[in-house]
Amino acid sequence: MLRDRNAQGPRSRRLTGRTLLASALLTSVAAVPAVAAAPQAPRTPVPVRSDIASPAYQQVAHFYGAYIDAVAAEDGGRLATALRTFYLTPHLRSELKTWEQRNHADGVLRAQNTPLAFRVTPGDSAAGHTWSTVRLTWSGGKHPTYSYLTVRSDLRTGKISGIGR
């Protein structure tokens, strides 16, 4: 019986499969020493707390800086409203409107006046949110008066989603 050299029988297929498997193994074994011999960067401990919340924290700082300037300016009402629309979630804007009607004060600042200065300190992050502390300075001199707000931001969108004391 004559066999065609190109004919694919069970034995020929097994031999081809083994050849492919052997060449793949040889290629991977040859690559391992090259990777193992490559210089490794020194390992540093991974911090427990990262700066993942820094963009949200920066958003809070940008918002309060611009918002205080807008509220303090003459005819800054439209700008303050535009800033609220850009930086705050719709749900928070609704909550602030209710709070402001009840308290006759600015809900973002939780006051009737405009502070002299502010400072934002980043806080903890969990469950898709991060918290910042906003310190508002109301008077100067040797004994300045401060008030503190806790501001919650959504990590996914970066928008401010809660303001409280």
N, C-alpha and C. Protein backbone atom coordinates (compact mmCIF):
# COMPACT_ATOMS: atom_id res chain seq x y z
N MET A 1 0.83 -1.17 0.00
CA MET A 1 0.00 0.00 0.00
C MET A 1 0.88 1.24 0.00
N LEU A 2 0.55 2.16 -0.85
CA LEU A 2 1.29 3.41 -0.96
C LEU A 2 0.59 4.48 -0.13
N ARG A 3 1.38 5.26 0.57
CA ARG A 3 0.81 6.36 1.36
C ARG A 3 1.28 7.67 0.78
N ASP A 4 0.38 8.56 0.70
CA ASP A 4 0.72 9.91 0.27
C ASP A 4 1.41 10.61 1.44
N ARG A 5 2.48 11.28 1.16
CA ARG A 5 3.23 11.95 2.20
C ARG A 5 2.43 13.04 2.89
N ASN A 6 1.54 13.70 2.20
CA ASN A 6 0.76 14.79 2.75
C ASN A 6 -0.54 14.32 3.39
N ALA A 7 -0.81 13.06 3.36
CA ALA A 7 -2.06 12.56 3.93
C ALA A 7 -2.01 12.70 5.44
N GLN A 8 -3.13 13.10 6.04
CA GLN A 8 -3.22 13.31 7.48
C GLN A 8 -3.91 12.11 8.12
N GLY A 9 -3.18 11.28 8.76
CA GLY A 9 -3.74 10.16 9.50
C GLY A 9 -3.68 10.49 10.98
N PRO A 10 -4.24 9.59 11.83
CA PRO A 10 -4.22 9.85 13.27
C PRO A 10 -2.80 9.98 13.82
N ARG A 11 -1.90 9.16 13.31
CA ARG A 11 -0.53 9.21 13.80
C ARG A 11 0.15 10.51 13.40
N SER A 12 -0.10 10.96 12.19
CA SER A 12 0.49 12.19 11.69
C SER A 12 -0.03 13.40 12.47
N ARG A 13 -1.33 13.39 12.81
CA ARG A 13 -1.90 14.50 13.58
C ARG A 13 -1.31 14.55 14.99
N ARG A 14 -1.12 13.38 15.60
CA ARG A 14 -0.53 13.33 16.94
C ARG A 14 0.90 13.87 16.91
N LEU A 15 1.64 13.49 15.89
CA LEU A 15 3.01 13.94 15.76
C LEU A 15 3.07 15.46 15.57
N THR A 16 2.16 16.02 14.79
CA THR A 16 2.11 17.47 14.58
C THR A 16 1.74 18.18 15.89
N GLY A 17 0.77 17.63 16.61
CA GLY A 17 0.37 18.23 17.88
C GLY A 17 1.50 18.21 18.89
N ARG A 18 2.22 17.09 18.94
CA ARG A 18 3.34 17.00 19.88
C ARG A 18 4.45 17.98 19.50
N THR A 19 4.67 18.13 18.23
CA THR A 19 5.70 19.06 17.77
C THR A 19 5.34 20.49 18.16
N LEU A 20 4.09 20.85 17.97
CA LEU A 20 3.65 22.20 18.34
C LEU A 20 3.75 22.42 19.85
N LEU A 21 3.35 21.43 20.64
CA LEU A 21 3.42 21.53 22.09
C LEU A 21 4.86 21.65 22.55
N ALA A 22 5.75 20.85 21.99
CA ALA A 22 7.15 20.90 22.37
C ALA A 22 7.77 22.25 22.03
N SER A 23 7.43 22.81 20.87
CA SER A 23 8.01 24.11 20.49
C SER A 23 7.47 25.22 21.38
N ALA A 24 6.20 25.13 21.78
CA ALA A 24 5.64 26.14 22.69
C ALA A 24 6.31 26.07 24.06
N LEU A 25 6.53 24.85 24.55
CA LEU A 25 7.19 24.69 25.84
C LEU A 25 8.63 25.20 25.81
N LEU A 26 9.34 24.91 24.74
CA LEU A 26 10.72 25.37 24.61
C LEU A 26 10.78 26.90 24.54
N THR A 27 9.84 27.50 23.87
CA THR A 27 9.81 28.96 23.77
C THR A 27 9.56 29.57 25.15
N SER A 28 8.63 29.02 25.91
CA SER A 28 8.32 29.58 27.23
C SER A 28 9.46 29.33 28.21
N VAL A 29 10.10 28.16 28.15
CA VAL A 29 11.23 27.87 29.04
C VAL A 29 12.40 28.79 28.73
N ALA A 30 12.62 29.11 27.47
CA ALA A 30 13.71 30.01 27.10
C ALA A 30 13.43 31.43 27.57
N ALA A 31 12.18 31.84 27.66
CA ALA A 31 11.82 33.20 28.07
C ALA A 31 11.92 33.39 29.58
N VAL A 32 11.73 32.33 30.38
CA VAL A 32 11.73 32.45 31.84
C VAL A 32 13.07 32.94 32.37
N PRO A 33 14.22 32.36 31.97
CA PRO A 33 15.49 32.89 32.50
C PRO A 33 15.72 34.34 32.13
N ALA A 34 15.28 34.77 30.95
CA ALA A 34 15.47 36.16 30.54
C ALA A 34 14.68 37.09 31.45
N VAL A 35 13.46 36.73 31.81
CA VAL A 35 12.64 37.54 32.70
C VAL A 35 13.21 37.52 34.11
N ALA A 36 13.64 36.35 34.56
CA ALA A 36 14.18 36.23 35.92
C ALA A 36 15.49 37.00 36.06
N ALA A 37 16.28 37.09 34.99
CA ALA A 37 17.55 37.78 35.06
C ALA A 37 17.40 39.29 34.91
N ALA A 38 16.26 39.76 34.45
CA ALA A 38 16.06 41.19 34.27
C ALA A 38 16.11 41.90 35.61
N PRO A 39 16.71 43.08 35.67
CA PRO A 39 16.79 43.80 36.94
C PRO A 39 15.40 44.19 37.43
N GLN A 40 15.17 43.97 38.69
CA GLN A 40 13.89 44.29 39.29
C GLN A 40 14.00 45.62 40.03
N ALA A 41 12.92 46.41 39.96
CA ALA A 41 12.88 47.67 40.72
C ALA A 41 12.77 47.32 42.19
N PRO A 42 13.39 48.10 43.05
CA PRO A 42 13.28 47.81 44.48
C PRO A 42 11.82 47.90 44.91
N ARG A 43 11.42 46.95 45.71
CA ARG A 43 10.03 46.92 46.17
C ARG A 43 9.86 47.84 47.36
N THR A 44 8.85 48.66 47.26
CA THR A 44 8.53 49.54 48.37
C THR A 44 7.20 49.11 48.95
N PRO A 45 6.99 49.30 50.23
CA PRO A 45 5.71 48.91 50.80
C PRO A 45 4.57 49.71 50.19
N VAL A 46 3.47 49.07 49.95
CA VAL A 46 2.30 49.73 49.39
C VAL A 46 1.58 50.46 50.52
N PRO A 47 1.30 51.76 50.35
CA PRO A 47 0.63 52.48 51.42
C PRO A 47 -0.79 51.98 51.61
N VAL A 48 -1.24 52.00 52.85
CA VAL A 48 -2.61 51.58 53.14
C VAL A 48 -3.59 52.58 52.57
N ARG A 49 -3.23 53.84 52.62
CA ARG A 49 -4.10 54.90 52.11
C ARG A 49 -3.44 55.50 50.89
N SER A 50 -4.14 55.56 49.80
CA SER A 50 -3.58 56.11 48.58
C SER A 50 -4.22 57.46 48.29
N ASP A 51 -3.75 58.09 47.25
CA ASP A 51 -4.31 59.38 46.86
C ASP A 51 -5.40 59.22 45.81
N ILE A 52 -6.14 58.12 45.88
CA ILE A 52 -7.21 57.89 44.91
C ILE A 52 -8.27 58.98 45.00
N ALA A 53 -8.43 59.56 46.19
CA ALA A 53 -9.45 60.57 46.37
C ALA A 53 -8.96 61.96 46.01
N SER A 54 -7.69 62.12 45.63
CA SER A 54 -7.17 63.46 45.40
C SER A 54 -7.93 64.24 44.33
N PRO A 55 -8.35 63.65 43.19
CA PRO A 55 -9.13 64.44 42.24
C PRO A 55 -10.44 64.95 42.85
N ALA A 56 -11.13 64.14 43.63
CA ALA A 56 -12.37 64.59 44.27
C ALA A 56 -12.08 65.67 45.29
N TYR A 57 -11.01 65.52 46.06
CA TYR A 57 -10.60 66.53 47.03
C TYR A 57 -10.28 67.85 46.32
N GLN A 58 -9.59 67.77 45.21
CA GLN A 58 -9.28 68.97 44.44
C GLN A 58 -10.54 69.63 43.90
N GLN A 59 -11.51 68.81 43.50
CA GLN A 59 -12.78 69.36 43.03
C GLN A 59 -13.46 70.17 44.13
N VAL A 60 -13.43 69.65 45.36
CA VAL A 60 -14.04 70.36 46.49
C VAL A 60 -13.33 71.69 46.70
N ALA A 61 -12.00 71.69 46.66
CA ALA A 61 -11.23 72.92 46.84
C ALA A 61 -11.52 73.92 45.72
N HIS A 62 -11.58 73.44 44.48
CA HIS A 62 -11.89 74.33 43.35
C HIS A 62 -13.29 74.92 43.51
N PHE A 63 -14.24 74.07 43.88
CA PHE A 63 -15.62 74.53 44.03
C PHE A 63 -15.73 75.60 45.10
N TYR A 64 -15.21 75.33 46.29
CA TYR A 64 -15.35 76.31 47.37
C TYR A 64 -14.61 77.61 47.06
N GLY A 65 -13.46 77.53 46.43
CA GLY A 65 -12.75 78.76 46.05
C GLY A 65 -13.56 79.61 45.09
N ALA A 66 -14.07 78.98 44.04
CA ALA A 66 -14.85 79.72 43.04
C ALA A 66 -16.19 80.16 43.61
N TYR A 67 -16.83 79.30 44.42
CA TYR A 67 -18.15 79.62 44.95
C TYR A 67 -18.09 80.80 45.91
N ILE A 68 -17.11 80.82 46.80
CA ILE A 68 -16.97 81.94 47.75
C ILE A 68 -16.71 83.23 46.99
N ASP A 69 -15.87 83.18 45.96
CA ASP A 69 -15.62 84.38 45.13
C ASP A 69 -16.90 84.84 44.45
N ALA A 70 -17.68 83.91 43.92
CA ALA A 70 -18.92 84.26 43.22
C ALA A 70 -19.94 84.87 44.18
N VAL A 71 -20.09 84.28 45.35
CA VAL A 71 -21.07 84.78 46.32
C VAL A 71 -20.67 86.16 46.82
N ALA A 72 -19.36 86.38 46.99
CA ALA A 72 -18.88 87.67 47.49
C ALA A 72 -18.97 88.77 46.43
N ALA A 73 -18.97 88.40 45.17
CA ALA A 73 -18.99 89.39 44.10
C ALA A 73 -20.40 89.95 43.90
N GLU A 74 -20.45 91.20 43.46
CA GLU A 74 -21.73 91.79 43.10
C GLU A 74 -22.23 91.10 41.84
N ASP A 75 -23.47 90.78 41.78
CA ASP A 75 -24.07 90.06 40.64
C ASP A 75 -23.42 88.70 40.41
N GLY A 76 -23.00 88.03 41.47
CA GLY A 76 -22.39 86.71 41.34
C GLY A 76 -23.39 85.58 41.41
N GLY A 77 -24.67 85.91 41.49
CA GLY A 77 -25.72 84.90 41.64
C GLY A 77 -25.76 83.89 40.50
N ARG A 78 -25.66 84.39 39.27
CA ARG A 78 -25.71 83.46 38.13
C ARG A 78 -24.49 82.56 38.10
N LEU A 79 -23.35 83.11 38.46
CA LEU A 79 -22.13 82.30 38.49
C LEU A 79 -22.22 81.25 39.60
N ALA A 80 -22.73 81.64 40.76
CA ALA A 80 -22.90 80.69 41.87
C ALA A 80 -23.83 79.56 41.46
N THR A 81 -24.90 79.89 40.76
CA THR A 81 -25.83 78.86 40.29
C THR A 81 -25.17 77.94 39.27
N ALA A 82 -24.39 78.51 38.38
CA ALA A 82 -23.69 77.71 37.37
C ALA A 82 -22.66 76.79 38.05
N LEU A 83 -21.97 77.29 39.06
CA LEU A 83 -21.01 76.46 39.79
C LEU A 83 -21.72 75.31 40.49
N ARG A 84 -22.86 75.58 41.10
CA ARG A 84 -23.64 74.52 41.74
C ARG A 84 -24.04 73.46 40.72
N THR A 85 -24.47 73.89 39.56
CA THR A 85 -24.90 72.95 38.52
C THR A 85 -23.74 72.08 38.07
N PHE A 86 -22.57 72.66 37.93
CA PHE A 86 -21.41 71.91 37.45
C PHE A 86 -20.83 70.97 38.51
N TYR A 87 -20.69 71.43 39.75
CA TYR A 87 -19.97 70.68 40.78
C TYR A 87 -20.85 69.78 41.67
N LEU A 88 -22.13 70.08 41.78
CA LEU A 88 -22.99 69.35 42.72
C LEU A 88 -23.91 68.38 41.99
N THR A 89 -24.23 67.27 42.64
CA THR A 89 -25.18 66.32 42.06
C THR A 89 -26.58 66.93 42.08
N PRO A 90 -27.46 66.51 41.18
CA PRO A 90 -28.83 67.03 41.19
C PRO A 90 -29.54 66.77 42.53
N HIS A 91 -29.30 65.61 43.13
CA HIS A 91 -29.93 65.28 44.40
C HIS A 91 -29.48 66.26 45.49
N LEU A 92 -28.20 66.59 45.54
CA LEU A 92 -27.71 67.54 46.54
C LEU A 92 -28.29 68.93 46.29
N ARG A 93 -28.39 69.34 45.04
CA ARG A 93 -28.98 70.65 44.74
C ARG A 93 -30.40 70.73 45.25
N SER A 94 -31.13 69.65 45.12
CA SER A 94 -32.51 69.60 45.63
C SER A 94 -32.52 69.68 47.16
N GLU A 95 -31.64 68.95 47.81
CA GLU A 95 -31.54 69.00 49.28
C GLU A 95 -31.17 70.39 49.76
N LEU A 96 -30.24 71.05 49.07
CA LEU A 96 -29.82 72.38 49.46
C LEU A 96 -30.96 73.39 49.32
N LYS A 97 -31.75 73.24 48.27
CA LYS A 97 -32.88 74.15 48.07
C LYS A 97 -33.85 74.04 49.25
N THR A 98 -34.15 72.81 49.67
CA THR A 98 -35.04 72.60 50.81
C THR A 98 -34.42 73.16 52.09
N TRP A 99 -33.14 72.92 52.32
CA TRP A 99 -32.45 73.41 53.51
C TRP A 99 -32.46 74.94 53.54
N GLU A 100 -32.20 75.57 52.39
CA GLU A 100 -32.14 77.02 52.32
C GLU A 100 -33.50 77.67 52.57
N GLN A 101 -34.57 77.06 52.09
CA GLN A 101 -35.91 77.59 52.35
C GLN A 101 -36.24 77.51 53.84
N ARG A 102 -35.82 76.46 54.48
CA ARG A 102 -36.11 76.25 55.90
C ARG A 102 -35.24 77.15 56.79
N ASN A 103 -33.97 77.36 56.41
CA ASN A 103 -33.02 78.06 57.28
C ASN A 103 -32.70 79.49 56.85
N HIS A 104 -33.18 79.92 55.69
CA HIS A 104 -32.94 81.28 55.19
C HIS A 104 -31.44 81.61 55.18
N ALA A 105 -30.65 80.68 54.67
CA ALA A 105 -29.20 80.85 54.59
C ALA A 105 -28.68 80.08 53.38
N ASP A 106 -27.43 80.29 53.05
CA ASP A 106 -26.78 79.59 51.94
C ASP A 106 -26.46 78.17 52.39
N GLY A 107 -26.97 77.18 51.69
CA GLY A 107 -26.77 75.79 52.07
C GLY A 107 -25.37 75.27 51.83
N VAL A 108 -24.66 75.82 50.88
CA VAL A 108 -23.29 75.38 50.60
C VAL A 108 -22.37 75.83 51.73
N LEU A 109 -22.58 77.06 52.21
CA LEU A 109 -21.75 77.61 53.28
C LEU A 109 -22.35 77.38 54.67
N ARG A 110 -23.63 77.01 54.69
CA ARG A 110 -24.38 76.83 55.95
C ARG A 110 -24.33 78.12 56.78
N ALA A 111 -24.48 79.25 56.10
CA ALA A 111 -24.43 80.54 56.77
C ALA A 111 -25.12 81.60 55.93
N GLN A 112 -25.38 82.75 56.55
CA GLN A 112 -25.98 83.88 55.85
C GLN A 112 -24.90 84.82 55.30
N ASN A 113 -23.69 84.71 55.80
CA ASN A 113 -22.59 85.58 55.38
C ASN A 113 -21.62 84.82 54.49
N THR A 114 -20.62 85.57 54.01
CA THR A 114 -19.57 84.97 53.19
C THR A 114 -18.29 84.88 54.03
N PRO A 115 -17.64 83.72 54.08
CA PRO A 115 -16.42 83.59 54.89
C PRO A 115 -15.26 84.39 54.30
N LEU A 116 -14.29 84.69 55.16
CA LEU A 116 -13.09 85.40 54.72
C LEU A 116 -12.13 84.47 54.00
N ALA A 117 -12.09 83.20 54.41
CA ALA A 117 -11.16 82.23 53.83
C ALA A 117 -11.72 80.83 54.05
N PHE A 118 -11.06 79.87 53.42
CA PHE A 118 -11.45 78.47 53.58
C PHE A 118 -10.22 77.60 53.46
N ARG A 119 -10.33 76.38 53.96
CA ARG A 119 -9.27 75.38 53.81
C ARG A 119 -9.94 74.02 53.67
N VAL A 120 -9.47 73.22 52.74
CA VAL A 120 -10.04 71.89 52.51
C VAL A 120 -9.00 70.84 52.88
N THR A 121 -9.42 69.88 53.70
CA THR A 121 -8.56 68.79 54.12
C THR A 121 -9.17 67.47 53.65
N PRO A 122 -8.39 66.63 52.94
CA PRO A 122 -8.95 65.35 52.48
C PRO A 122 -9.20 64.42 53.66
N GLY A 123 -10.20 63.56 53.50
CA GLY A 123 -10.53 62.59 54.54
C GLY A 123 -10.50 61.18 54.00
N ASP A 124 -11.29 60.33 54.58
CA ASP A 124 -11.32 58.92 54.21
C ASP A 124 -12.21 58.67 53.00
N SER A 125 -12.01 57.49 52.41
CA SER A 125 -12.81 57.06 51.27
C SER A 125 -13.35 55.67 51.54
N ALA A 126 -14.59 55.45 51.13
CA ALA A 126 -15.20 54.13 51.25
C ALA A 126 -16.49 54.11 50.44
N ALA A 127 -16.86 52.93 50.00
CA ALA A 127 -18.14 52.70 49.31
C ALA A 127 -18.38 53.68 48.16
N GLY A 128 -17.33 53.99 47.41
CA GLY A 128 -17.49 54.84 46.24
C GLY A 128 -17.55 56.33 46.54
N HIS A 129 -17.29 56.72 47.79
CA HIS A 129 -17.33 58.13 48.18
C HIS A 129 -16.04 58.50 48.90
N THR A 130 -15.75 59.78 48.93
CA THR A 130 -14.67 60.29 49.75
C THR A 130 -15.19 61.51 50.50
N TRP A 131 -14.64 61.74 51.66
CA TRP A 131 -15.07 62.85 52.49
C TRP A 131 -13.94 63.82 52.66
N SER A 132 -14.27 65.10 52.67
CA SER A 132 -13.31 66.18 52.91
C SER A 132 -13.88 67.06 54.01
N THR A 133 -12.98 67.72 54.73
CA THR A 133 -13.40 68.68 55.74
C THR A 133 -13.08 70.07 55.21
N VAL A 134 -14.09 70.93 55.22
CA VAL A 134 -13.91 72.31 54.78
C VAL A 134 -13.98 73.19 56.03
N ARG A 135 -12.91 73.94 56.26
CA ARG A 135 -12.89 74.88 57.38
C ARG A 135 -13.11 76.27 56.81
N LEU A 136 -14.18 76.91 57.26
CA LEU A 136 -14.50 78.27 56.83
C LEU A 136 -14.05 79.24 57.93
N THR A 137 -13.32 80.28 57.54
CA THR A 137 -12.84 81.28 58.49
C THR A 137 -13.76 82.49 58.41
N TRP A 138 -14.35 82.87 59.55
CA TRP A 138 -15.34 83.94 59.59
C TRP A 138 -14.81 85.25 60.14
N SER A 139 -13.74 85.22 60.90
CA SER A 139 -13.17 86.46 61.43
C SER A 139 -11.66 86.31 61.51
N GLY A 140 -10.97 87.45 61.53
CA GLY A 140 -9.51 87.42 61.58
C GLY A 140 -9.03 87.79 62.97
N GLY A 141 -7.79 88.20 63.05
CA GLY A 141 -7.23 88.63 64.31
C GLY A 141 -6.60 87.49 65.08
N LYS A 142 -6.40 87.75 66.38
CA LYS A 142 -5.76 86.75 67.24
C LYS A 142 -6.61 85.52 67.46
N HIS A 143 -7.91 85.69 67.49
CA HIS A 143 -8.83 84.58 67.77
C HIS A 143 -9.88 84.46 66.66
N PRO A 144 -9.47 83.91 65.51
CA PRO A 144 -10.43 83.78 64.40
C PRO A 144 -11.54 82.78 64.75
N THR A 145 -12.66 82.97 64.09
CA THR A 145 -13.80 82.08 64.28
C THR A 145 -13.89 81.16 63.07
N TYR A 146 -14.05 79.87 63.34
CA TYR A 146 -14.13 78.88 62.28
C TYR A 146 -15.45 78.10 62.38
N SER A 147 -15.86 77.58 61.24
CA SER A 147 -16.91 76.55 61.22
C SER A 147 -16.40 75.46 60.30
N TYR A 148 -16.89 74.26 60.53
CA TYR A 148 -16.40 73.10 59.76
C TYR A 148 -17.57 72.41 59.07
N LEU A 149 -17.33 72.01 57.83
CA LEU A 149 -18.32 71.26 57.06
C LEU A 149 -17.69 69.95 56.60
N THR A 150 -18.50 68.91 56.57
CA THR A 150 -18.07 67.64 56.00
C THR A 150 -18.69 67.53 54.62
N VAL A 151 -17.85 67.37 53.62
CA VAL A 151 -18.30 67.33 52.23
C VAL A 151 -18.03 65.94 51.66
N ARG A 152 -19.08 65.32 51.12
CA ARG A 152 -18.96 63.99 50.52
C ARG A 152 -18.93 64.13 49.00
N SER A 153 -18.01 63.43 48.37
CA SER A 153 -17.89 63.45 46.91
C SER A 153 -18.01 62.03 46.37
N ASP A 154 -18.58 61.91 45.20
CA ASP A 154 -18.71 60.63 44.50
C ASP A 154 -17.42 60.37 43.74
N LEU A 155 -16.75 59.26 44.03
CA LEU A 155 -15.47 58.97 43.38
C LEU A 155 -15.62 58.72 41.89
N ARG A 156 -16.74 58.16 41.48
CA ARG A 156 -16.93 57.85 40.06
C ARG A 156 -17.07 59.11 39.23
N THR A 157 -17.87 60.07 39.70
CA THR A 157 -18.13 61.28 38.92
C THR A 157 -17.30 62.48 39.37
N GLY A 158 -16.80 62.45 40.63
CA GLY A 158 -16.08 63.60 41.16
C GLY A 158 -16.98 64.70 41.66
N LYS A 159 -18.29 64.53 41.50
CA LYS A 159 -19.24 65.57 41.93
C LYS A 159 -19.48 65.49 43.43
N ILE A 160 -19.77 66.66 44.01
CA ILE A 160 -20.07 66.75 45.43
C ILE A 160 -21.49 66.24 45.63
N SER A 161 -21.66 65.28 46.56
CA SER A 161 -22.96 64.65 46.75
C SER A 161 -23.55 64.86 48.13
N GLY A 162 -22.84 65.55 49.02
CA GLY A 162 -23.37 65.81 50.36
C GLY A 162 -22.58 66.88 51.07
N ILE A 163 -23.30 67.73 51.83
CA ILE A 163 -22.66 68.77 52.64
C ILE A 163 -23.37 68.75 53.98
N GLY A 164 -22.61 68.66 55.04
CA GLY A 164 -23.19 68.65 56.39
C GLY A 164 -22.21 69.18 57.40
N ARG A 165 -22.68 69.28 58.62
CA ARG A 165 -21.79 69.76 59.70
C ARG A 165 -21.16 68.61 60.39
